[in-house]
Amino acid sequence: MGLFSFAKKKQPKISTVTTEKKKTFGIAFAGGGGRGYAHIGALKALEENNIPRANVVSGTSVGSIIGSAYALGYRADEIYEYAKEVSIESFSYRGLLGVDKLSKLLDKDVRSRFFNITRDSETIEKIMTNFYGKKAFCNTLSEFYTNAVDLYTGKEVILDSGSIAKACRASSSVPGVFTPTKIGDMLLVDGGVLNNMPADIIRDKCDVLMGLDLYHDAYTPAKNDNTFEVLTSTVEILIGNARIKNHPICDILVEPELDKFGAVQFDDDSKKRFYEEGYNAMNEMMPALKELLKPELIITEVKK
């Protein structure tokens, strides 16, 4: 044995620790007038399946109205009852006076009468304020964004501060149905003109992004060449193109088949059909959503 001896260096033990990281969840609510009852049905399905409230929410037009109420913490039943009370189906071309009545009105004398039926968009703001008060974006439980289009620049504008009711008013100011909304130096109309399902504005803010669309079959051909049919078909083409562009960036897409019902009518049975279709469509996608929302497992090596 030599003068010196060396003890073997003790090697550290390595063990692994597994932790779970919850995924952030985002929902984009599309525009679509009275079809918005389907959004509420989808929310009811989420509640019944104990899906955690989304971390971030975006919405356009009626999607901003439903989405903002959800972001503020309202339950599906509360939203549904108020939506029926104020008739959200009237927030569109087809729902303005009822399809048949509006068609006849436009055919009679378009130039003198069409602009007389345009309503002050302040009506929307009052409706929202009556429901949830003078809430601001900083009051939401989920981060909330909506969009509109500035007529002065022709560009999309993202609204994320100030009065939620006024922002929803701007996002829902359907051209020809409601007057534009003035905010600062902008003159704003319905966000669906350029982006009818604003999933892109929250894509980088969540791990799992769900799009709630309202137009499964995209486009209904015009029945004839009268002014009403030409107008509504043109709008549907524009909205369709502004809607599908964000489909690919969604991790999951819910598209209730609403076209089979035609336009939403003012009776409760019609509203219920749209609500139930949204509920059923969301439940069909529930297994896929639950799988996507499973926590991420993180394995870390620990030396002892």
Protein backbone atom coordinates (compact mmCIF):
# COMPACT_ATOMS: atom_id res chain seq x y z
CA MET A 1 0.00 0.00 0.00
CA GLY A 2 1.44 3.41 -0.93
CA LEU A 3 2.01 6.40 1.27
CA PHE A 4 -1.24 7.85 0.17
CA SER A 5 -4.61 6.26 -0.31
CA PHE A 6 -7.57 7.81 -1.98
CA ALA A 7 -11.14 7.09 -0.97
CA LYS A 8 -13.57 6.64 -3.78
CA LYS A 9 -15.62 9.75 -4.39
CA LYS A 10 -19.20 9.17 -3.34
CA GLN A 11 -21.51 9.58 -6.30
CA PRO A 12 -24.70 11.59 -5.63
CA LYS A 13 -27.99 9.77 -5.89
CA ILE A 14 -30.26 11.07 -8.57
CA SER A 15 -34.02 10.90 -8.24
CA THR A 16 -36.80 12.36 -10.31
CA VAL A 17 -39.66 14.59 -9.22
CA THR A 18 -42.81 14.81 -11.33
CA THR A 19 -44.92 17.96 -11.15
CA GLU A 20 -48.01 19.06 -13.02
CA LYS A 21 -48.30 22.31 -14.91
CA LYS A 22 -51.85 23.45 -15.59
CA LYS A 23 -52.48 24.63 -19.11
CA THR A 24 -53.92 28.06 -19.77
CA PHE A 25 -57.20 28.06 -21.67
CA GLY A 26 -58.61 30.59 -24.13
CA ILE A 27 -61.97 30.90 -25.90
CA ALA A 28 -62.72 32.95 -29.04
CA PHE A 29 -66.43 33.73 -29.54
CA ALA A 30 -67.49 34.38 -33.14
CA GLY A 31 -70.08 36.92 -34.25
CA GLY A 32 -73.42 35.88 -35.70
CA GLY A 33 -76.41 37.83 -34.36
CA GLY A 34 -79.13 35.63 -32.92
CA ARG A 35 -76.99 32.55 -33.48
CA GLY A 36 -75.24 33.70 -30.31
CA TYR A 37 -77.73 31.65 -28.29
CA ALA A 38 -75.54 28.69 -29.32
CA HIS A 39 -72.61 30.29 -27.49
CA ILE A 40 -74.64 30.24 -24.30
CA GLY A 41 -75.50 26.58 -24.77
CA ALA A 42 -71.80 25.82 -25.19
CA LEU A 43 -71.04 27.64 -21.94
CA LYS A 44 -73.68 25.57 -20.15
CA ALA A 45 -71.97 22.38 -21.35
CA LEU A 46 -68.60 23.65 -20.07
CA GLU A 47 -70.11 24.36 -16.66
CA GLU A 48 -71.74 20.94 -16.38
CA ASN A 49 -68.43 19.28 -17.21
CA ASN A 50 -66.53 21.35 -14.63
CA ILE A 51 -64.22 22.87 -17.21
CA PRO A 52 -62.26 25.65 -15.47
CA ARG A 53 -63.10 29.20 -16.46
CA ALA A 54 -60.98 30.32 -19.41
CA ASN A 55 -57.92 32.41 -18.59
CA VAL A 56 -58.43 34.61 -21.64
CA VAL A 57 -61.42 35.40 -23.84
CA SER A 58 -62.00 37.23 -27.11
CA GLY A 59 -65.22 37.96 -28.98
CA THR A 60 -66.67 39.78 -31.94
CA SER A 61 -70.13 41.35 -32.23
CA VAL A 62 -72.61 39.11 -30.37
CA GLY A 63 -69.55 37.07 -29.40
CA SER A 64 -68.25 40.12 -27.55
CA ILE A 65 -71.55 40.44 -25.69
CA ILE A 66 -71.66 36.78 -24.61
CA GLY A 67 -67.90 36.59 -24.11
CA SER A 68 -67.72 39.67 -21.91
CA ALA A 69 -70.51 38.40 -19.66
CA TYR A 70 -68.67 35.09 -19.31
CA ALA A 71 -65.37 36.87 -18.61
CA LEU A 72 -67.08 38.88 -15.88
CA GLY A 73 -68.18 35.70 -14.13
CA TYR A 74 -71.82 35.35 -15.16
CA ARG A 75 -73.27 31.85 -15.42
CA ALA A 76 -74.83 30.47 -18.60
CA ASP A 77 -78.36 30.51 -17.15
CA GLU A 78 -78.06 34.18 -16.22
CA ILE A 79 -76.78 35.12 -19.67
CA TYR A 80 -79.48 33.08 -21.41
CA GLU A 81 -82.36 34.68 -19.54
CA TYR A 82 -81.10 38.20 -20.22
CA ALA A 83 -80.36 37.43 -23.89
CA LYS A 84 -83.95 36.30 -24.34
CA GLU A 85 -85.25 39.37 -22.54
CA VAL A 86 -83.40 41.84 -24.78
CA SER A 87 -83.74 39.75 -27.98
CA ILE A 88 -80.13 39.53 -29.16
CA GLU A 89 -81.50 38.06 -32.40
CA SER A 90 -82.38 41.63 -33.42
CA PHE A 91 -78.66 42.54 -33.54
CA SER A 92 -78.35 41.59 -37.20
CA TYR A 93 -79.65 42.33 -40.70
CA ARG A 94 -82.12 39.47 -40.73
CA GLY A 95 -83.33 40.14 -37.23
CA LEU A 96 -83.72 43.89 -37.49
CA LEU A 97 -87.43 43.81 -38.29
CA GLY A 98 -87.90 40.14 -39.09
CA VAL A 99 -86.88 38.65 -42.43
CA ASP A 100 -90.18 38.97 -44.28
CA LYS A 101 -90.99 42.46 -43.04
CA LEU A 102 -87.52 43.83 -43.78
CA SER A 103 -87.47 42.26 -47.24
CA LYS A 104 -90.77 43.90 -48.16
CA LEU A 105 -89.66 47.22 -46.71
CA LEU A 106 -86.46 47.30 -48.74
CA ASP A 107 -88.24 46.26 -51.92
CA LYS A 108 -90.74 49.08 -51.61
CA ASP A 109 -88.41 52.03 -51.37
CA VAL A 110 -84.83 51.26 -50.52
CA ARG A 111 -83.32 54.71 -50.77
CA SER A 112 -85.76 56.54 -48.54
CA ARG A 113 -86.45 53.81 -46.00
CA PHE A 114 -83.30 51.75 -45.43
CA PHE A 115 -81.42 54.36 -43.44
CA ASN A 116 -84.51 55.20 -41.43
CA ILE A 117 -84.43 51.76 -39.81
CA THR A 118 -80.81 52.10 -38.69
CA ARG A 119 -80.77 52.34 -34.91
CA ASP A 120 -78.51 54.22 -32.53
CA SER A 121 -75.74 51.87 -31.39
CA GLU A 122 -76.06 53.43 -27.93
CA THR A 123 -78.92 50.95 -27.50
CA ILE A 124 -76.38 48.13 -27.25
CA GLU A 125 -74.36 49.98 -24.62
CA LYS A 126 -77.48 50.59 -22.54
CA ILE A 127 -78.48 46.93 -22.78
CA MET A 128 -75.08 45.79 -21.56
CA THR A 129 -74.94 48.39 -18.78
CA ASN A 130 -78.38 47.31 -17.57
CA PHE A 131 -77.08 43.75 -17.35
CA TYR A 132 -73.71 44.09 -15.66
CA GLY A 133 -73.34 47.75 -14.78
CA LYS A 134 -70.51 50.09 -15.65
CA LYS A 135 -67.80 47.45 -15.68
CA ALA A 136 -64.34 47.99 -17.13
CA PHE A 137 -61.89 45.51 -18.63
CA CYS A 138 -59.96 45.50 -15.35
CA ASN A 139 -63.03 44.05 -13.59
CA THR A 140 -63.10 40.74 -15.48
CA LEU A 141 -62.26 37.34 -13.98
CA SER A 142 -60.83 36.27 -17.35
CA GLU A 143 -58.65 38.51 -19.48
CA PHE A 144 -60.95 39.91 -22.18
CA TYR A 145 -60.46 41.39 -25.66
CA THR A 146 -62.82 42.46 -28.39
CA ASN A 147 -62.35 44.02 -31.81
CA ALA A 148 -63.94 46.52 -34.16
CA VAL A 149 -63.12 48.16 -37.48
CA ASP A 150 -62.19 51.84 -37.74
CA LEU A 151 -63.93 53.48 -40.70
CA TYR A 152 -61.29 56.23 -40.79
CA THR A 153 -58.40 53.83 -41.37
CA GLY A 154 -60.12 50.70 -42.63
CA LYS A 155 -58.18 48.64 -40.10
CA GLU A 156 -59.07 46.29 -37.27
CA VAL A 157 -58.81 47.75 -33.77
CA ILE A 158 -58.29 45.68 -30.61
CA LEU A 159 -60.20 46.98 -27.58
CA ASP A 160 -58.87 45.96 -24.16
CA SER A 161 -59.36 48.90 -21.80
CA GLY A 162 -62.04 51.27 -20.57
CA SER A 163 -65.77 50.55 -20.59
CA ILE A 164 -66.69 46.99 -21.61
CA ALA A 165 -70.22 48.03 -22.58
CA LYS A 166 -68.92 50.67 -24.97
CA ALA A 167 -66.36 48.28 -26.45
CA CYS A 168 -69.10 45.69 -27.06
CA ARG A 169 -71.23 48.41 -28.59
CA ALA A 170 -68.45 49.20 -31.06
CA SER A 171 -67.82 45.54 -31.85
CA SER A 172 -71.56 45.00 -32.43
CA SER A 173 -72.26 48.13 -34.52
CA VAL A 174 -73.38 46.20 -37.60
CA PRO A 175 -73.22 48.59 -40.59
CA GLY A 176 -76.71 49.47 -41.75
CA VAL A 177 -78.30 48.10 -38.57
CA PHE A 178 -76.65 50.29 -35.94
CA THR A 179 -74.87 53.62 -36.18
CA PRO A 180 -71.05 53.54 -35.85
CA THR A 181 -69.55 54.03 -32.39
CA LYS A 182 -67.20 56.92 -31.68
CA ILE A 183 -64.28 56.14 -29.35
CA GLY A 184 -61.51 58.71 -29.18
CA ASP A 185 -60.51 59.62 -32.72
CA MET A 186 -61.96 56.38 -34.15
CA LEU A 187 -65.31 55.69 -35.82
CA LEU A 188 -65.95 52.01 -35.19
CA VAL A 189 -68.20 49.36 -36.72
CA ASP A 190 -68.70 45.62 -36.20
CA GLY A 191 -65.43 43.71 -35.84
CA GLY A 192 -66.84 40.89 -37.96
CA VAL A 193 -66.27 43.00 -41.06
CA LEU A 194 -62.58 41.98 -40.94
CA ASN A 195 -62.30 39.32 -38.23
CA ASN A 196 -65.43 37.48 -37.18
CA MET A 197 -63.76 35.00 -34.84
CA PRO A 198 -60.81 36.83 -33.24
CA ALA A 199 -58.81 33.80 -32.16
CA ASP A 200 -55.60 35.37 -33.44
CA ILE A 201 -55.60 38.16 -30.87
CA ILE A 202 -55.33 35.69 -27.98
CA ARG A 203 -53.36 32.86 -29.63
CA ASP A 204 -50.13 33.78 -27.85
CA LYS A 205 -51.90 34.21 -24.49
CA CYS A 206 -52.96 30.60 -23.86
CA ASP A 207 -51.80 27.00 -24.24
CA VAL A 208 -55.14 25.65 -25.45
CA LEU A 209 -57.32 27.79 -27.71
CA MET A 210 -60.93 26.92 -28.52
CA GLY A 211 -62.89 28.65 -31.26
CA LEU A 212 -66.69 28.85 -30.95
CA ASP A 213 -67.97 29.45 -34.46
CA LEU A 214 -71.57 30.06 -35.49
CA TYR A 215 -71.49 29.36 -39.23
CA HIS A 216 -70.95 25.66 -39.92
CA ASP A 217 -72.11 25.79 -43.53
CA ALA A 218 -70.57 29.19 -44.17
CA TYR A 219 -72.82 30.53 -46.92
CA THR A 220 -76.48 30.44 -47.90
CA PRO A 221 -76.96 31.37 -51.60
CA ALA A 222 -79.25 34.28 -52.41
CA LYS A 223 -82.78 33.18 -53.32
CA ASN A 224 -83.30 36.00 -55.80
CA ASP A 225 -81.93 39.40 -56.79
CA ASN A 226 -84.00 41.63 -54.52
CA THR A 227 -82.13 44.17 -52.45
CA PHE A 228 -82.50 42.35 -49.15
CA GLU A 229 -81.15 39.05 -50.50
CA VAL A 230 -78.25 40.80 -52.25
CA LEU A 231 -77.36 42.71 -49.08
CA THR A 232 -77.51 39.76 -46.69
CA SER A 233 -75.68 37.40 -49.04
CA THR A 234 -72.91 39.94 -49.56
CA VAL A 235 -72.51 40.37 -45.82
CA GLU A 236 -72.42 36.59 -45.32
CA ILE A 237 -69.63 36.27 -47.91
CA LEU A 238 -67.60 38.95 -46.15
CA ILE A 239 -68.18 37.44 -42.72
CA GLY A 240 -67.37 33.95 -44.00
CA ASN A 241 -63.98 35.03 -45.27
CA ALA A 242 -63.33 36.97 -42.07
CA ARG A 243 -64.23 33.91 -40.02
CA ILE A 244 -62.47 30.88 -41.48
CA LYS A 245 -59.04 32.52 -41.60
CA ASN A 246 -58.58 31.77 -37.89
CA HIS A 247 -59.79 28.17 -37.94
CA PRO A 248 -56.29 26.67 -38.43
CA ILE A 249 -54.82 28.35 -35.35
CA CYS A 250 -57.42 26.89 -32.98
CA ASP A 251 -56.54 23.75 -31.05
CA ILE A 252 -60.20 22.81 -31.01
CA LEU A 253 -63.09 24.20 -33.05
CA VAL A 254 -66.76 23.94 -32.13
CA GLU A 255 -69.17 24.47 -35.05
CA PRO A 256 -72.83 23.85 -34.20
CA GLU A 257 -74.93 23.11 -37.28
CA LEU A 258 -77.24 26.10 -37.07
CA ASP A 259 -78.05 26.66 -40.73
CA LYS A 260 -80.72 23.95 -40.65
CA PHE A 261 -82.83 26.22 -38.41
CA GLY A 262 -82.85 29.25 -40.72
CA ALA A 263 -82.94 32.69 -39.12
CA VAL A 264 -83.58 32.99 -35.38
CA GLN A 265 -87.16 34.05 -34.72
CA PHE A 266 -88.47 36.01 -31.76
CA ASP A 267 -90.22 33.08 -30.08
CA ASP A 268 -88.62 31.18 -27.19
CA ASP A 269 -88.76 27.84 -29.01
CA SER A 270 -86.55 29.19 -31.80
CA LYS A 271 -84.04 30.58 -29.32
CA LYS A 272 -84.01 27.29 -27.44
CA ARG A 273 -83.18 25.33 -30.61
CA PHE A 274 -80.06 27.41 -31.17
CA TYR A 275 -79.10 27.16 -27.50
CA GLU A 276 -79.47 23.38 -27.51
CA GLU A 277 -77.50 22.97 -30.73
CA GLY A 278 -74.60 24.88 -29.17
CA TYR A 279 -74.90 22.74 -26.05
CA ASN A 280 -74.86 19.50 -28.05
CA ALA A 281 -71.98 20.58 -30.30
CA MET A 282 -69.86 21.47 -27.26
CA ASN A 283 -70.62 18.14 -25.59
CA GLU A 284 -69.55 16.28 -28.74
CA MET A 285 -66.15 17.97 -28.52
CA MET A 286 -65.86 17.62 -24.74
CA PRO A 287 -63.64 14.49 -24.70
CA ALA A 288 -61.16 16.19 -27.03
CA LEU A 289 -61.19 19.38 -24.95
CA LYS A 290 -60.61 17.50 -21.70
CA GLU A 291 -57.68 15.68 -23.28
CA LEU A 292 -56.12 18.95 -24.43
CA LEU A 293 -56.54 20.50 -20.98
CA LYS A 294 -54.82 17.69 -19.12
CA PRO A 295 -51.94 19.14 -17.09
CA GLU A 296 -48.49 18.90 -18.60
CA LEU A 297 -46.21 16.54 -16.67
CA ILE A 298 -42.79 18.01 -15.93
CA ILE A 299 -40.06 15.58 -14.81
CA THR A 300 -37.11 17.12 -12.99
CA GLU A 301 -33.93 15.35 -11.88
CA VAL A 302 -32.88 16.02 -8.28
CA LYS A 303 -29.42 15.18 -6.89
CA LYS A 304 -29.27 14.07 -3.27
